[in-house]
Amino acid sequence: MTGFARRTFMQGTAAVGAATQLPWLLAPQAAAADSEDAPTASPAPVRWLETPPAENVGSTWGVSWPKGALPADQSFSLRTTGGDQVPVQTWPIGYWPDGSLKWSACAIGADTPAAEEYVLEPGTGLTPRTKVRVTERADHIMVDTGVLRCRINRSGSTLIASLSRGGREIARGGELVCQWQDNVEDAEDGGTRRARFVSDIDTVEVEQDGPLRAVVRITGTHRSQRGREWLPFTVRLYLYAGAEHVRLMHSFVLDSDGSSDFIRALGIRFRVVMRDQPHDRHVRFVGDGHGLLSEAVRGLTGLRRDPGQQVRDAQVAGRATPPVDTFPDNVRTRLHLIPTWGDFTLSQLTSEGFQIRKRTSPGHAWISVDSGHRAAGFGYVGGASGGLGFGMRDFWQKCPTQLDVRGAARDEAEVTVWLWSPDAPPMDVRFYHDGLGMDDYPEQREGLEITYEDYEPGFGTAEGIARTSELMFWALEATPEAERLVAMADTVRTPPQLVTTPEHHHRAGVFGDWAPVDRSTPERAEIEDRLDFLFEFHRDQVDQHHWYGFWDYGDIMHTYDGDRHTWRYDVGGYAWANSELSPDLWLWYSYLRSGRADIFRMAEAMTRHTGETDVYHSGPYAGLGTRHNVQHWGCSAKQVRISTVAYRRFYYFLTADERVGDLMRELVDADRTFLTLDPIRKIREGEYSPDPNALAIGLGTDWGALAAAWLAEWERGGDETYRDKLLTSMRTIGELSQGFFTDDVRYDMDTGAYSSVSDVAGASHLSAVHGLTEICSELVNLVPEETGFAEAWLRYCRLYNASREEQEAELGRHLGNLNLRQAHCRLTAYAAAKLGDADLAQRAKDEFYQGEAGYPRNLTWERRRVEGPSALNPVDETDFVSTNASAQYGLAAIQTLALVPDRF
């Protein structure tokens, strides 16, 4: 083994107010940051992704640093641009191969004044006045933010035993709830069976214990009264210093195939202590925009007898009313005759409408209150002596959802945030057709020819997919004023996110070949305008075509149907994109270059979706993703090109999100699935028996995905086994006579080593468009000692779009009619940049503008509006846009501009 693989690594601990990390610190290089020749780390500018928040709840973000500039255990300070020091908690989340710090995570507390901008730099940070404190006991964990005390159970059904402040309990009994049934509709033989499930805790772990941020991870399953376990879950609780809220990240895995197990409802429930008189108890829901519904359990407005302006104003404002004995007698003596409204429901069953209802108590009719378009997903119940604020992010986008308040007239109210509304039809994830007679491979290949759907019986299962939801709960001293309730709702809608600038990330040299937006020449400006056009078109298509829903939100469609003026949502492989040709990468690189908030938020939603719903997290396909289809899980092509960590690394390092970190770590052993599932089984010629030491794992989308997972694990300081497999695979790829063009290879799962079955050259147009390009460009820079690998990759980049004569001269044969030449112009540009070859640079530019299987230069880049009887809703169309072409045009432009800028 060469390079880093021969060096002696030492496992160490590096944490600054953080959970334990296990970086591989290279002994010879650990002190590199102290040498005179070491790179320097410029201070990192830090700003809010959107605007400074009115309701600061704390924020966590990631910052990149140049190779060799900082030691792994570097501490940092944070100040405003005005020079005021701000307490900050930092910890390492990524390392360069020399052991120096690559990524640091940073957090500020909820009591930090939200300045316009900050500066993060190496140094000793300000000691916080308020710290979050974690106390572990045998049966519970107590987290004290300085304002809120959160008691977390270690066992049982209740996750959060209590939320209290100032010695007063606000809410208790926080648990997960689920309603199950065995059929979608009542069966003819007697109806549908139903059952209730609640959370059952398995493990509880403190992942981080302050001083400004605490994280507690809870795992378990939902359990019925009869003892059946279903729907494994992971819940993370985030508590920041000075906060009066807890952020809750809820993830679950669907561990049944959906044929006889249906989720009727799924949610999180708390009981809220109600101490005030019914007329001093308040219910609030935030609807469209900043619209606020203000209700009292026992209303004192609109009565036949007037309690007085002072009483009415206080109740509407959410303040305690004057003492009852000061009320007019004609009101005071009749309070018991005013109905108390104990139950309230806001249901958002579609993205286009919500309804609010209330009733006095069970057994009595529901009364319609009002309705609207898109609710904020935020509510409150309580009174003058305290209450609970509760909210769910992406509430209307992930419909059907619901907020329930029950029993507000009793001593305890019950609040449920429903991730799947009980008012909606049961969740139905069954496959959408009966197979159409496609019972063998030849017939299935025929189906692929007509609908582009790769069908196979039994493969269109949702068993093993997952979904994550983000919620927030506030323990409040009293009913907040309207303005603050609206600010809290905005916080739920768009959690405040701190970021650094594109220029800082670019100087740090992370994520390979890209450069900040550049409009310095007319040609560059034209390309930048077209990149904006494509992003904004797809962004707007999400809303125009209502790409929302619990399982769907975050994805976009594959191809448009101009005849019907809609995307091909019902045509096999032309429906949901499922990361086909890397729209995830396109969005993240577009954000890195621009720093635009709208691009970040779209990429964030896509990462949440594609990493959970399009990937299997348990079962026989664990570690694999599903190719594009009418349903996200419908296609029989289960592949690592969809589950690839290449699509997740951006969000993890930019936000330090632990859930995405889990998803990346899940995939380090994805190669094992090749023992049970041959991805090319339908077209393979000859006999093939999976051998763990001779697996048919190709060098394109397969190895690229495995390498991304191993690289992420190496960067994060994880198990060194994966570093070794990555380095071994790189070395042995470099030793293959045809390098990346080797058409038939075998892979040793134990070591990561490759060998060739034959020296016949070949290539697929898909090999380098699912993250391989980006991962290889990073690896060549990270591991320069692997010269054979670098040469093999350079050769692939130079020859893919080369002439047939050039290919025959070097490979012994030409590669046929390869597709996606425009997308691969960035490979030509890479070769031009590495070799300093002006002819290759011009060839790259020509390939980009030729637009083969993409967008040629002479297109008319404009939208047209279609409405009226031609389309169900008004929509924008173009003559040329598809998601695949957009993603590849975007990546080609971004990387080619960065590699050969002098050509533009």
Foldseek 3Di string as FASTA:
>chain_A
DDDLVPADWDWDFAFFLFFTFTAGAGVVLQCLLVDPPFDAWDWFKKFWLPFQFPQQAKAKWKFFTAASNAHQNFDKWKAFPVGHTAAKGKHAQFAFSNRHGTMIMIMGFRPTPRDGMMIMDTDDYDDDPFFWAWDDDPFWIWIDQVAWIWIAGFWDQFGTQFIDGPPGTFWGRKWKKWKKWFDLWFDPVGGIDIFIWIWTWDGKDWRGGIRFKTKIKTWTFTATPVGDTFWIKIKMWMHGRPHQKIKIKIKTFHADQQNGIWTLWIWIKIKGFADDAQLQKWKWFAFPQLDIDIDTQFDQPPDPDHQDPQQNVCSRQQADGPDLVSTPPVCSVCSVVGQGWFKKKWWQAAQFKIWIWTDRAPPDDIDTDDMGGHTLQWMWIYGNQWTKIKGWECPNQADRWMWMWGGSNDRIIMIITISYDSVYRIDGQHADDDCPPCADLVSQVVLCVPQVFNAYPPQLGQRQFMAMIMMMMGTTRGDDGSVVSSSVSVCNHPPIHMFTALVSSVVNPPLFFFAAQDPPDVVSVVLVVLLVLQVVQQLVLCVQQVQGHNQRWLWGFFACDVQLRGFPLPRFQRGTQLCPLHPLVLLLSNCSRYSNSSSVVSSVRNLSNSLGRQAGCDDLLHQWGAHGTSGSRGGNQTHLLSNFCLSLVSVCNGRVDVVSVVSLQSNLLNVVSLQPDPNCVSPDPDDDHADLQFGFQAPFSRVQRNLRSLSSCNRSSHDCLSVQLNVQLLLQLLVQLLRNQQDTWTARSNGNHIDGPDLQGEDALRRHRSRSVSSLSVVCVSRVRSVSSVVSLLVCLCQPPDDQVVCCVRRVGGHPDYADQLLSLLSLLQNCLVVVPPVSLVVSVVSNQCQGVADHPPADSDWDWDDDPSHPGIGIDDPDDGSNRSSSNSNSSRRSCSRRVVVD
